[in-house]
Amino acid sequence: MKGVGVFLVFSMVVLMGQPAEGFIHHIIHGLTALLDGNVKRAKEELYKRKLDQQRDQKDEQEDQQDDQQDDQQDDQQDDQQDDQQDDQQDDQQDDQQDDQQEDDQQLDKQQKE
């Protein structure tokens, strides 16, 4: 009750004390200024969010490209290693076959003698 009484007295004093200055006009002007400021801030925040999203998307794309390049390089290295191992195995098999042929030839010579 005290709050309601204070509000009524205060509003009567203000409205009756300065009716010629258009006190209500000041209130409306202040509210519109607040709303305009809030709208501008909201637009700025939206703009910042869009920029952040674009940056994040760009970063994600760059990360994906980097990952793809790394994967390709890893695959190439793995392929090279596999090729080297295959070549070594082939060389070993060839060497074994050559050794066996030489042994066979020596045995044949020994048997003929």
PDB file of N, CA and C in Angstrom:
ATOM      1  N   MET A   1       0.827  -1.197   0.000  1.00  0.00           N
ATOM      2  CA  MET A   1       0.000   0.000   0.000  1.00  0.00           C
ATOM      3  C   MET A   1       0.868   1.256   0.000  1.00  0.00           C
ATOM      4  N   LYS A   2       1.949   1.214   0.758  1.00  0.00           N
ATOM      5  CA  LYS A   2       2.792   2.405   0.791  1.00  0.00           C
ATOM      6  C   LYS A   2       3.370   2.679  -0.590  1.00  0.00           C
ATOM      7  N   GLY A   3       3.754   1.625  -1.291  1.00  0.00           N
ATOM      8  CA  GLY A   3       4.341   1.779  -2.620  1.00  0.00           C
ATOM      9  C   GLY A   3       3.355   2.386  -3.603  1.00  0.00           C
ATOM     10  N   VAL A   4       2.097   1.938  -3.516  1.00  0.00           N
ATOM     11  CA  VAL A   4       1.069   2.472  -4.416  1.00  0.00           C
ATOM     12  C   VAL A   4       0.836   3.952  -4.125  1.00  0.00           C
ATOM     13  N   GLY A   5       0.801   4.307  -2.845  1.00  0.00           N
ATOM     14  CA  GLY A   5       0.589   5.706  -2.463  1.00  0.00           C
ATOM     15  C   GLY A   5       1.734   6.588  -2.933  1.00  0.00           C
ATOM     16  N   VAL A   6       2.954   6.118  -2.779  1.00  0.00           N
ATOM     17  CA  VAL A   6       4.122   6.889  -3.216  1.00  0.00           C
ATOM     18  C   VAL A   6       4.079   7.069  -4.729  1.00  0.00           C
ATOM     19  N   PHE A   7       3.721   6.016  -5.455  1.00  0.00           N
ATOM     20  CA  PHE A   7       3.652   6.109  -6.909  1.00  0.00           C
ATOM     21  C   PHE A   7       2.605   7.132  -7.350  1.00  0.00           C
ATOM     22  N   LEU A   8       1.435   7.086  -6.752  1.00  0.00           N
ATOM     23  CA  LEU A   8       0.376   8.032  -7.133  1.00  0.00           C
ATOM     24  C   LEU A   8       0.779   9.463  -6.824  1.00  0.00           C
ATOM     25  N   VAL A   9       1.342   9.710  -5.664  1.00  0.00           N
ATOM     26  CA  VAL A   9       1.755  11.061  -5.296  1.00  0.00           C
ATOM     27  C   VAL A   9       2.857  11.538  -6.229  1.00  0.00           C
ATOM     28  N   PHE A  10       3.830  10.683  -6.487  1.00  0.00           N
ATOM     29  CA  PHE A  10       4.939  11.072  -7.353  1.00  0.00           C
ATOM     30  C   PHE A  10       4.447  11.380  -8.771  1.00  0.00           C
ATOM     31  N   SER A  11       3.563  10.557  -9.292  1.00  0.00           N
ATOM     32  CA  SER A  11       3.074  10.789 -10.650  1.00  0.00           C
ATOM     33  C   SER A  11       2.228  12.057 -10.721  1.00  0.00           C
ATOM     34  N   MET A  12       1.455  12.383  -9.694  1.00  0.00           N
ATOM     35  CA  MET A  12       0.664  13.616  -9.702  1.00  0.00           C
ATOM     36  C   MET A  12       1.578  14.835  -9.632  1.00  0.00           C
ATOM     37  N   VAL A  13       2.619  14.771  -8.824  1.00  0.00           N
ATOM     38  CA  VAL A  13       3.548  15.893  -8.705  1.00  0.00           C
ATOM     39  C   VAL A  13       4.241  16.131 -10.040  1.00  0.00           C
ATOM     40  N   VAL A  14       4.685  15.069 -10.671  1.00  0.00           N
ATOM     41  CA  VAL A  14       5.407  15.213 -11.934  1.00  0.00           C
ATOM     42  C   VAL A  14       4.479  15.731 -13.021  1.00  0.00           C
ATOM     43  N   LEU A  15       3.312  15.141 -13.172  1.00  0.00           N
ATOM     44  CA  LEU A  15       2.399  15.551 -14.239  1.00  0.00           C
ATOM     45  C   LEU A  15       1.840  16.956 -14.026  1.00  0.00           C
ATOM     46  N   MET A  16       1.602  17.331 -12.790  1.00  0.00           N
ATOM     47  CA  MET A  16       1.029  18.659 -12.547  1.00  0.00           C
ATOM     48  C   MET A  16       2.113  19.725 -12.487  1.00  0.00           C
ATOM     49  N   GLY A  17       3.319  19.335 -12.157  1.00  0.00           N
ATOM     50  CA  GLY A  17       4.380  20.317 -12.014  1.00  0.00           C
ATOM     51  C   GLY A  17       4.914  20.801 -13.356  1.00  0.00           C
ATOM     52  N   GLN A  18       4.926  19.955 -14.414  1.00  0.00           N
ATOM     53  CA  GLN A  18       5.513  20.354 -15.684  1.00  0.00           C
ATOM     54  C   GLN A  18       4.629  19.942 -16.864  1.00  0.00           C
ATOM     55  N   PRO A  19       3.399  20.364 -16.917  1.00  0.00           N
ATOM     56  CA  PRO A  19       2.553  19.936 -18.040  1.00  0.00           C
ATOM     57  C   PRO A  19       2.951  20.599 -19.361  1.00  0.00           C
ATOM     58  N   ALA A  20       3.545  21.759 -19.311  1.00  0.00           N
ATOM     59  CA  ALA A  20       3.849  22.481 -20.541  1.00  0.00           C
ATOM     60  C   ALA A  20       5.069  21.894 -21.251  1.00  0.00           C
ATOM     61  N   GLU A  21       5.921  21.223 -20.553  1.00  0.00           N
ATOM     62  CA  GLU A  21       7.128  20.709 -21.170  1.00  0.00           C
ATOM     63  C   GLU A  21       6.901  19.372 -21.873  1.00  0.00           C
ATOM     64  N   GLY A  22       5.728  18.839 -21.796  1.00  0.00           N
ATOM     65  CA  GLY A  22       5.421  17.578 -22.464  1.00  0.00           C
ATOM     66  C   GLY A  22       6.212  16.419 -21.893  1.00  0.00           C
ATOM     67  N   PHE A  23       6.003  16.177 -20.629  1.00  0.00           N
ATOM     68  CA  PHE A  23       6.752  15.145 -19.924  1.00  0.00           C
ATOM     69  C   PHE A  23       6.547  13.766 -20.560  1.00  0.00           C
ATOM     70  N   ILE A  24       5.346  13.519 -21.018  1.00  0.00           N
ATOM     71  CA  ILE A  24       5.052  12.225 -21.640  1.00  0.00           C
ATOM     72  C   ILE A  24       5.882  12.054 -22.916  1.00  0.00           C
ATOM     73  N   HIS A  25       6.104  13.149 -23.614  1.00  0.00           N
ATOM     74  CA  HIS A  25       6.923  13.110 -24.817  1.00  0.00           C
ATOM     75  C   HIS A  25       8.339  12.626 -24.468  1.00  0.00           C
ATOM     76  N   HIS A  26       8.873  13.083 -23.340  1.00  0.00           N
ATOM     77  CA  HIS A  26      10.214  12.665 -22.923  1.00  0.00           C
ATOM     78  C   HIS A  26      10.250  11.168 -22.623  1.00  0.00           C
ATOM     79  N   ILE A  27       9.198  10.684 -22.024  1.00  0.00           N
ATOM     80  CA  ILE A  27       9.128   9.254 -21.708  1.00  0.00           C
ATOM     81  C   ILE A  27       9.104   8.439 -22.998  1.00  0.00           C
ATOM     82  N   ILE A  28       8.244   8.844 -23.930  1.00  0.00           N
ATOM     83  CA  ILE A  28       8.130   8.117 -25.200  1.00  0.00           C
ATOM     84  C   ILE A  28       9.447   8.179 -25.968  1.00  0.00           C
ATOM     85  N   HIS A  29      10.057   9.350 -25.992  1.00  0.00           N
ATOM     86  CA  HIS A  29      11.338   9.510 -26.686  1.00  0.00           C
ATOM     87  C   HIS A  29      12.406   8.621 -26.044  1.00  0.00           C
ATOM     88  N   GLY A  30      12.433   8.539 -24.733  1.00  0.00           N
ATOM     89  CA  GLY A  30      13.396   7.679 -24.037  1.00  0.00           C
ATOM     90  C   GLY A  30      13.176   6.201 -24.337  1.00  0.00           C
ATOM     91  N   LEU A  31      11.907   5.791 -24.377  1.00  0.00           N
ATOM     92  CA  LEU A  31      11.608   4.393 -24.687  1.00  0.00           C
ATOM     93  C   LEU A  31      12.007   4.032 -26.116  1.00  0.00           C
ATOM     94  N   THR A  32      11.724   4.923 -27.056  1.00  0.00           N
ATOM     95  CA  THR A  32      12.107   4.636 -28.447  1.00  0.00           C
ATOM     96  C   THR A  32      13.623   4.581 -28.597  1.00  0.00           C
ATOM     97  N   ALA A  33      14.316   5.460 -27.863  1.00  0.00           N
ATOM     98  CA  ALA A  33      15.777   5.431 -27.920  1.00  0.00           C
ATOM     99  C   ALA A  33      16.305   4.105 -27.374  1.00  0.00           C
ATOM    100  N   LEU A  34      15.697   3.613 -26.293  1.00  0.00           N
ATOM    101  CA  LEU A  34      16.101   2.324 -25.743  1.00  0.00           C
ATOM    102  C   LEU A  34      15.854   1.195 -26.735  1.00  0.00           C
ATOM    103  N   LEU A  35      14.673   1.214 -27.350  1.00  0.00           N
ATOM    104  CA  LEU A  35      14.348   0.168 -28.318  1.00  0.00           C
ATOM    105  C   LEU A  35      15.286   0.209 -29.526  1.00  0.00           C
ATOM    106  N   ASP A  36      15.578   1.412 -30.008  1.00  0.00           N
ATOM    107  CA  ASP A  36      16.495   1.542 -31.149  1.00  0.00           C
ATOM    108  C   ASP A  36      17.875   1.015 -30.784  1.00  0.00           C
ATOM    109  N   GLY A  37      18.315   1.345 -29.602  1.00  0.00           N
ATOM    110  CA  GLY A  37      19.619   0.857 -29.153  1.00  0.00           C
ATOM    111  C   GLY A  37      19.636  -0.656 -29.039  1.00  0.00           C
ATOM    112  N   ASN A  38      18.547  -1.226 -28.528  1.00  0.00           N
ATOM    113  CA  ASN A  38      18.463  -2.682 -28.406  1.00  0.00           C
ATOM    114  C   ASN A  38      18.431  -3.350 -29.778  1.00  0.00           C
ATOM    115  N   VAL A  39      17.736  -2.728 -30.716  1.00  0.00           N
ATOM    116  CA  VAL A  39      17.671  -3.286 -32.066  1.00  0.00           C
ATOM    117  C   VAL A  39      19.053  -3.251 -32.715  1.00  0.00           C
ATOM    118  N   LYS A  40      19.756  -2.140 -32.533  1.00  0.00           N
ATOM    119  CA  LYS A  40      21.098  -2.036 -33.107  1.00  0.00           C
ATOM    120  C   LYS A  40      22.029  -3.077 -32.497  1.00  0.00           C
ATOM    121  N   ARG A  41      21.938  -3.246 -31.186  1.00  0.00           N
ATOM    122  CA  ARG A  41      22.774  -4.240 -30.523  1.00  0.00           C
ATOM    123  C   ARG A  41      22.440  -5.645 -31.008  1.00  0.00           C
ATOM    124  N   ALA A  42      21.149  -5.900 -31.165  1.00  0.00           N
ATOM    125  CA  ALA A  42      20.732  -7.222 -31.633  1.00  0.00           C
ATOM    126  C   ALA A  42      21.262  -7.482 -33.045  1.00  0.00           C
ATOM    127  N   LYS A  43      21.200  -6.470 -33.910  1.00  0.00           N
ATOM    128  CA  LYS A  43      21.724  -6.629 -35.266  1.00  0.00           C
ATOM    129  C   LYS A  43      23.222  -6.871 -35.247  1.00  0.00           C
ATOM    130  N   GLU A  44      23.929  -6.144 -34.388  1.00  0.00           N
ATOM    131  CA  GLU A  44      25.374  -6.336 -34.287  1.00  0.00           C
ATOM    132  C   GLU A  44      25.711  -7.743 -33.796  1.00  0.00           C
ATOM    133  N   GLU A  45      24.940  -8.223 -32.836  1.00  0.00           N
ATOM    134  CA  GLU A  45      25.178  -9.564 -32.319  1.00  0.00           C
ATOM    135  C   GLU A  45      24.924 -10.619 -33.397  1.00  0.00           C
ATOM    136  N   LEU A  46      23.843 -10.426 -34.168  1.00  0.00           N
ATOM    137  CA  LEU A  46      23.555 -11.361 -35.250  1.00  0.00           C
ATOM    138  C   LEU A  46      24.675 -11.356 -36.281  1.00  0.00           C
ATOM    139  N   TYR A  47      25.163 -10.170 -36.600  1.00  0.00           N
ATOM    140  CA  TYR A  47      26.246 -10.046 -37.573  1.00  0.00           C
ATOM    141  C   TYR A  47      27.506 -10.754 -37.057  1.00  0.00           C
ATOM    142  N   LYS A  48      27.806 -10.558 -35.782  1.00  0.00           N
ATOM    143  CA  LYS A  48      28.977 -11.217 -35.194  1.00  0.00           C
ATOM    144  C   LYS A  48      28.817 -12.735 -35.203  1.00  0.00           C
ATOM    145  N   ARG A  49      27.605 -13.196 -34.886  1.00  0.00           N
ATOM    146  CA  ARG A  49      27.357 -14.639 -34.901  1.00  0.00           C
ATOM    147  C   ARG A  49      27.546 -15.215 -36.299  1.00  0.00           C
ATOM    148  N   LYS A  50      27.043 -14.493 -37.304  1.00  0.00           N
ATOM    149  CA  LYS A  50      27.204 -14.964 -38.684  1.00  0.00           C
ATOM    150  C   LYS A  50      28.675 -15.036 -39.058  1.00  0.00           C
ATOM    151  N   LEU A  51      29.431 -14.007 -38.677  1.00  0.00           N
ATOM    152  CA  LEU A  51      30.866 -14.014 -38.961  1.00  0.00           C
ATOM    153  C   LEU A  51      31.553 -15.186 -38.273  1.00  0.00           C
ATOM    154  N   ASP A  52      31.191 -15.421 -37.016  1.00  0.00           N
ATOM    155  CA  ASP A  52      31.772 -16.536 -36.277  1.00  0.00           C
ATOM    156  C   ASP A  52      31.440 -17.875 -36.936  1.00  0.00           C
ATOM    157  N   GLN A  53      30.184 -18.016 -37.383  1.00  0.00           N
ATOM    158  CA  GLN A  53      29.785 -19.251 -38.048  1.00  0.00           C
ATOM    159  C   GLN A  53      30.565 -19.448 -39.344  1.00  0.00           C
ATOM    160  N   GLN A  54      30.731 -18.365 -40.106  1.00  0.00           N
ATOM    161  CA  GLN A  54      31.480 -18.456 -41.355  1.00  0.00           C
ATOM    162  C   GLN A  54      32.930 -18.838 -41.076  1.00  0.00           C
ATOM    163  N   ARG A  55      33.519 -18.240 -40.048  1.00  0.00           N
ATOM    164  CA  ARG A  55      34.897 -18.575 -39.691  1.00  0.00           C
ATOM    165  C   ARG A  55      35.004 -20.036 -39.262  1.00  0.00           C
ATOM    166  N   ASP A  56      34.033 -20.483 -38.468  1.00  0.00           N
ATOM    167  CA  ASP A  56      34.051 -21.869 -38.010  1.00  0.00           C
ATOM    168  C   ASP A  56      33.933 -22.837 -39.189  1.00  0.00           C
ATOM    169  N   GLN A  57      33.034 -22.511 -40.138  1.00  0.00           N
ATOM    170  CA  GLN A  57      32.877 -23.368 -41.308  1.00  0.00           C
ATOM    171  C   GLN A  57      34.154 -23.394 -42.133  1.00  0.00           C
ATOM    172  N   LYS A  58      34.766 -22.236 -42.284  1.00  0.00           N
ATOM    173  CA  LYS A  58      36.013 -22.151 -43.049  1.00  0.00           C
ATOM    174  C   LYS A  58      37.103 -22.971 -42.365  1.00  0.00           C
ATOM    175  N   ASP A  59      37.195 -22.859 -41.047  1.00  0.00           N
ATOM    176  CA  ASP A  59      38.189 -23.630 -40.290  1.00  0.00           C
ATOM    177  C   ASP A  59      37.937 -25.131 -40.426  1.00  0.00           C
ATOM    178  N   GLU A  60      36.661 -25.529 -40.368  1.00  0.00           N
ATOM    179  CA  GLU A  60      36.322 -26.939 -40.493  1.00  0.00           C
ATOM    180  C   GLU A  60      36.711 -27.460 -41.876  1.00  0.00           C
ATOM    181  N   GLN A  61      36.438 -26.670 -42.913  1.00  0.00           N
ATOM    182  CA  GLN A  61      36.802 -27.082 -44.264  1.00  0.00           C
ATOM    183  C   GLN A  61      38.312 -27.222 -44.399  1.00  0.00           C
ATOM    184  N   GLU A  62      39.054 -26.284 -43.836  1.00  0.00           N
ATOM    185  CA  GLU A  62      40.511 -26.360 -43.900  1.00  0.00           C
ATOM    186  C   GLU A  62      41.017 -27.586 -43.141  1.00  0.00           C
ATOM    187  N   ASP A  63      40.404 -27.866 -41.995  1.00  0.00           N
ATOM    188  CA  ASP A  63      40.795 -29.043 -41.226  1.00  0.00           C
ATOM    189  C   ASP A  63      40.517 -30.330 -42.008  1.00  0.00           C
ATOM    190  N   GLN A  64      39.360 -30.376 -42.677  1.00  0.00           N
ATOM    191  CA  GLN A  64      39.029 -31.551 -43.467  1.00  0.00           C
ATOM    192  C   GLN A  64      40.014 -31.734 -44.617  1.00  0.00           C
ATOM    193  N   GLN A  65      40.364 -30.632 -45.270  1.00  0.00           N
ATOM    194  CA  GLN A  65      41.325 -30.707 -46.371  1.00  0.00           C
ATOM    195  C   GLN A  65      42.679 -31.184 -45.856  1.00  0.00           C
ATOM    196  N   ASP A  66      43.099 -30.656 -44.707  1.00  0.00           N
ATOM    197  CA  ASP A  66      44.365 -31.077 -44.122  1.00  0.00           C
ATOM    198  C   ASP A  66      44.331 -32.569 -43.783  1.00  0.00           C
ATOM    199  N   ASP A  67      43.210 -33.020 -43.218  1.00  0.00           N
ATOM    200  CA  ASP A  67      43.073 -34.429 -42.876  1.00  0.00           C
ATOM    201  C   ASP A  67      43.138 -35.304 -44.131  1.00  0.00           C
ATOM    202  N   GLN A  68      42.482 -34.857 -45.201  1.00  0.00           N
ATOM    203  CA  GLN A  68      42.509 -35.620 -46.448  1.00  0.00           C
ATOM    204  C   GLN A  68      43.925 -35.696 -47.008  1.00  0.00           C
ATOM    205  N   GLN A  69      44.637 -34.587 -46.966  1.00  0.00           N
ATOM    206  CA  GLN A  69      46.004 -34.583 -47.463  1.00  0.00           C
ATOM    207  C   GLN A  69      46.882 -35.503 -46.620  1.00  0.00           C
ATOM    208  N   ASP A  70      46.702 -35.450 -45.311  1.00  0.00           N
ATOM    209  CA  ASP A  70      47.473 -36.323 -44.426  1.00  0.00           C
ATOM    210  C   ASP A  70      47.166 -37.792 -44.716  1.00  0.00           C
ATOM    211  N   ASP A  71      45.882 -38.096 -44.919  1.00  0.00           N
ATOM    212  CA  ASP A  71      45.488 -39.471 -45.226  1.00  0.00           C
ATOM    213  C   ASP A  71      46.111 -39.933 -46.541  1.00  0.00           C
ATOM    214  N   GLN A  72      46.109 -39.059 -47.537  1.00  0.00           N
ATOM    215  CA  GLN A  72      46.700 -39.414 -48.833  1.00  0.00           C
ATOM    216  C   GLN A  72      48.192 -39.667 -48.684  1.00  0.00           C
ATOM    217  N   GLN A  73      48.864 -38.820 -47.931  1.00  0.00           N
ATOM    218  CA  GLN A  73      50.293 -39.003 -47.728  1.00  0.00           C
ATOM    219  C   GLN A  73      50.572 -40.306 -46.983  1.00  0.00           C
ATOM    220  N   ASP A  74      49.755 -40.585 -45.968  1.00  0.00           N
ATOM    221  CA  ASP A  74      49.925 -41.831 -45.224  1.00  0.00           C
ATOM    222  C   ASP A  74      49.710 -43.037 -46.136  1.00  0.00           C
ATOM    223  N   ASP A  75      48.677 -42.962 -46.986  1.00  0.00           N
ATOM    224  CA  ASP A  75      48.405 -44.052 -47.914  1.00  0.00           C
ATOM    225  C   ASP A  75      49.573 -44.251 -48.880  1.00  0.00           C
ATOM    226  N   GLN A  76      50.121 -43.156 -49.382  1.00  0.00           N
ATOM    227  CA  GLN A  76      51.246 -43.260 -50.298  1.00  0.00           C
ATOM    228  C   GLN A  76      52.453 -43.895 -49.605  1.00  0.00           C
ATOM    229  N   GLN A  77      52.705 -43.476 -48.376  1.00  0.00           N
ATOM    230  CA  GLN A  77      53.828 -44.053 -47.637  1.00  0.00           C
ATOM    231  C   GLN A  77      53.602 -45.544 -47.384  1.00  0.00           C
ATOM    232  N   ASP A  78      52.376 -45.898 -47.021  1.00  0.00           N
ATOM    233  CA  ASP A  78      52.067 -47.306 -46.796  1.00  0.00           C
ATOM    234  C   ASP A  78      52.253 -48.110 -48.080  1.00  0.00           C
ATOM    235  N   ASP A  79      51.798 -47.558 -49.202  1.00  0.00           N
ATOM    236  CA  ASP A  79      51.952 -48.236 -50.482  1.00  0.00           C
ATOM    237  C   ASP A  79      53.423 -48.417 -50.828  1.00  0.00           C
ATOM    238  N   GLN A  80      54.215 -47.399 -50.583  1.00  0.00           N
ATOM    239  CA  GLN A  80      55.643 -47.488 -50.867  1.00  0.00           C
ATOM    240  C   GLN A  80      56.302 -48.568 -49.993  1.00  0.00           C
ATOM    241  N   GLN A  81      55.932 -48.582 -48.734  1.00  0.00           N
ATOM    242  CA  GLN A  81      56.490 -49.591 -47.836  1.00  0.00           C
ATOM    243  C   GLN A  81      56.083 -50.995 -48.273  1.00  0.00           C
ATOM    244  N   ASP A  82      54.820 -51.151 -48.654  1.00  0.00           N
ATOM    245  CA  ASP A  82      54.350 -52.452 -49.124  1.00  0.00           C
ATOM    246  C   ASP A  82      55.101 -52.874 -50.389  1.00  0.00           C
ATOM    247  N   ASP A  83      55.292 -51.936 -51.295  1.00  0.00           N
ATOM    248  CA  ASP A  83      56.026 -52.231 -52.524  1.00  0.00           C
ATOM    249  C   ASP A  83      57.458 -52.646 -52.214  1.00  0.00           C
ATOM    250  N   GLN A  84      58.078 -51.956 -51.281  1.00  0.00           N
ATOM    251  CA  GLN A  84      59.455 -52.298 -50.909  1.00  0.00           C
ATOM    252  C   GLN A  84      59.524 -53.698 -50.301  1.00  0.00           C
ATOM    253  N   GLN A  85      58.567 -54.000 -49.445  1.00  0.00           N
ATOM    254  CA  GLN A  85      58.547 -55.329 -48.828  1.00  0.00           C
ATOM    255  C   GLN A  85      58.322 -56.411 -49.880  1.00  0.00           C
ATOM    256  N   ASP A  86      57.404 -56.149 -50.808  1.00  0.00           N
ATOM    257  CA  ASP A  86      57.155 -57.106 -51.878  1.00  0.00           C
ATOM    258  C   ASP A  86      58.402 -57.306 -52.721  1.00  0.00           C
ATOM    259  N   ASP A  87      59.089 -56.227 -53.045  1.00  0.00           N
ATOM    260  CA  ASP A  87      60.320 -56.313 -53.831  1.00  0.00           C
ATOM    261  C   ASP A  87      61.377 -57.122 -53.087  1.00  0.00           C
ATOM    262  N   GLN A  88      61.495 -56.907 -51.794  1.00  0.00           N
ATOM    263  CA  GLN A  88      62.475 -57.653 -50.999  1.00  0.00           C
ATOM    264  C   GLN A  88      62.137 -59.141 -50.986  1.00  0.00           C
ATOM    265  N   GLN A  89      60.862 -59.441 -50.833  1.00  0.00           N
ATOM    266  CA  GLN A  89      60.451 -60.844 -50.823  1.00  0.00           C
ATOM    267  C   GLN A  89      60.716 -61.495 -52.176  1.00  0.00           C
ATOM    268  N   ASP A  90      60.399 -60.767 -53.240  1.00  0.00           N
ATOM    269  CA  ASP A  90      60.659 -61.283 -54.583  1.00  0.00           C
ATOM    270  C   ASP A  90      62.148 -61.529 -54.785  1.00  0.00           C
ATOM    271  N   ASP A  91      62.959 -60.584 -54.342  1.00  0.00           N
ATOM    272  CA  ASP A  91      64.415 -60.739 -54.469  1.00  0.00           C
ATOM    273  C   ASP A  91      64.897 -61.953 -53.684  1.00  0.00           C
ATOM    274  N   GLN A  92      64.381 -62.145 -52.497  1.00  0.00           N
ATOM    275  CA  GLN A  92      64.774 -63.289 -51.685  1.00  0.00           C
ATOM    276  C   GLN A  92      64.386 -64.601 -52.369  1.00  0.00           C
ATOM    277  N   GLN A  93      63.186 -64.646 -52.914  1.00  0.00           N
ATOM    278  CA  GLN A  93      62.728 -65.851 -53.603  1.00  0.00           C
ATOM    279  C   GLN A  93      63.595 -66.127 -54.831  1.00  0.00           C
ATOM    280  N   ASP A  94      63.907 -65.057 -55.564  1.00  0.00           N
ATOM    281  CA  ASP A  94      64.759 -65.217 -56.743  1.00  0.00           C
ATOM    282  C   ASP A  94      66.134 -65.729 -56.338  1.00  0.00           C
ATOM    283  N   ASP A  95      66.671 -65.179 -55.271  1.00  0.00           N
ATOM    284  CA  ASP A  95      67.974 -65.616 -54.783  1.00  0.00           C
ATOM    285  C   ASP A  95      67.935 -67.086 -54.371  1.00  0.00           C
ATOM    286  N   GLN A  96      66.879 -67.474 -53.706  1.00  0.00           N
ATOM    287  CA  GLN A  96      66.747 -68.865 -53.278  1.00  0.00           C
ATOM    288  C   GLN A  96      66.663 -69.798 -54.486  1.00  0.00           C
ATOM    289  N   GLN A  97      65.901 -69.378 -55.476  1.00  0.00           N
ATOM    290  CA  GLN A  97      65.781 -70.197 -56.682  1.00  0.00           C
ATOM    291  C   GLN A  97      67.116 -70.306 -57.401  1.00  0.00           C
ATOM    292  N   ASP A  98      67.822 -69.188 -57.477  1.00  0.00           N
ATOM    293  CA  ASP A  98      69.140 -69.196 -58.120  1.00  0.00           C
ATOM    294  C   ASP A  98      70.089 -70.117 -57.363  1.00  0.00           C
ATOM    295  N   ASP A  99      70.078 -70.035 -56.055  1.00  0.00           N
ATOM    296  CA  ASP A  99      70.937 -70.881 -55.236  1.00  0.00           C
ATOM    297  C   ASP A  99      70.594 -72.357 -55.438  1.00  0.00           C
ATOM    298  N   GLN A 100      69.315 -72.621 -55.507  1.00  0.00           N
ATOM    299  CA  GLN A 100      68.881 -74.001 -55.677  1.00  0.00           C
ATOM    300  C   GLN A 100      69.291 -74.521 -57.066  1.00  0.00           C
ATOM    301  N   GLN A 101      69.168 -73.676 -58.062  1.00  0.00           N
ATOM    302  CA  GLN A 101      69.586 -74.090 -59.405  1.00  0.00           C
ATOM    303  C   GLN A 101      71.092 -74.358 -59.440  1.00  0.00           C
ATOM    304  N   GLU A 102      71.841 -73.524 -58.789  1.00  0.00           N
ATOM    305  CA  GLU A 102      73.290 -73.719 -58.739  1.00  0.00           C
ATOM    306  C   GLU A 102      73.633 -75.021 -58.023  1.00  0.00           C
ATOM    307  N   ASP A 103      72.939 -75.267 -56.938  1.00  0.00           N
ATOM    308  CA  ASP A 103      73.156 -76.503 -56.200  1.00  0.00           C
ATOM    309  C   ASP A 103      72.815 -77.717 -57.073  1.00  0.00           C
ATOM    310  N   ASP A 104      71.710 -77.614 -57.783  1.00  0.00           N
ATOM    311  CA  ASP A 104      71.286 -78.697 -58.666  1.00  0.00           C
ATOM    312  C   ASP A 104      72.324 -78.932 -59.771  1.00  0.00           C
ATOM    313  N   GLN A 105      72.839 -77.867 -60.313  1.00  0.00           N
ATOM    314  CA  GLN A 105      73.847 -77.987 -61.369  1.00  0.00           C
ATOM    315  C   GLN A 105      75.121 -78.629 -60.826  1.00  0.00           C
ATOM    316  N   GLN A 106      75.509 -78.244 -59.645  1.00  0.00           N
ATOM    317  CA  GLN A 106      76.706 -78.827 -59.032  1.00  0.00           C
ATOM    318  C   GLN A 106      76.501 -80.322 -58.765  1.00  0.00           C
ATOM    319  N   LEU A 107      75.331 -80.672 -58.312  1.00  0.00           N
ATOM    320  CA  LEU A 107      75.038 -82.079 -58.075  1.00  0.00           C
ATOM    321  C   LEU A 107      75.081 -82.881 -59.378  1.00  0.00           C
ATOM    322  N   ASP A 108      74.521 -82.280 -60.409  1.00  0.00           N
ATOM    323  CA  ASP A 108      74.540 -82.943 -61.711  1.00  0.00           C
ATOM    324  C   ASP A 108      75.975 -83.152 -62.190  1.00  0.00           C
ATOM    325  N   LYS A 109      76.816 -82.182 -62.009  1.00  0.00           N
ATOM    326  CA  LYS A 109      78.225 -82.276 -62.406  1.00  0.00           C
ATOM    327  C   LYS A 109      78.931 -83.366 -61.606  1.00  0.00           C
ATOM    328  N   GLN A 110      78.646 -83.393 -60.341  1.00  0.00           N
ATOM    329  CA  GLN A 110      79.278 -84.379 -59.483  1.00  0.00           C
ATOM    330  C   GLN A 110      78.829 -85.799 -59.863  1.00  0.00           C
ATOM    331  N   GLN A 111      77.575 -85.913 -60.210  1.00  0.00           N
ATOM    332  CA  GLN A 111      77.074 -87.230 -60.555  1.00  0.00           C
ATOM    333  C   GLN A 111      77.653 -87.695 -61.905  1.00  0.00           C
ATOM    334  N   LYS A 112      77.884 -86.799 -62.790  1.00  0.00           N
ATOM    335  CA  LYS A 112      78.435 -87.146 -64.100  1.00  0.00           C
ATOM    336  C   LYS A 112      79.894 -87.527 -63.978  1.00  0.00           C
ATOM    337  N   GLU A 113      80.551 -87.058 -63.056  1.00  0.00           N
ATOM    338  CA  GLU A 113      81.975 -87.337 -62.928  1.00  0.00           C
ATOM    339  C   GLU A 113      82.185 -88.616 -62.280  1.00  0.00           C
TER     340      GLU A 113
END
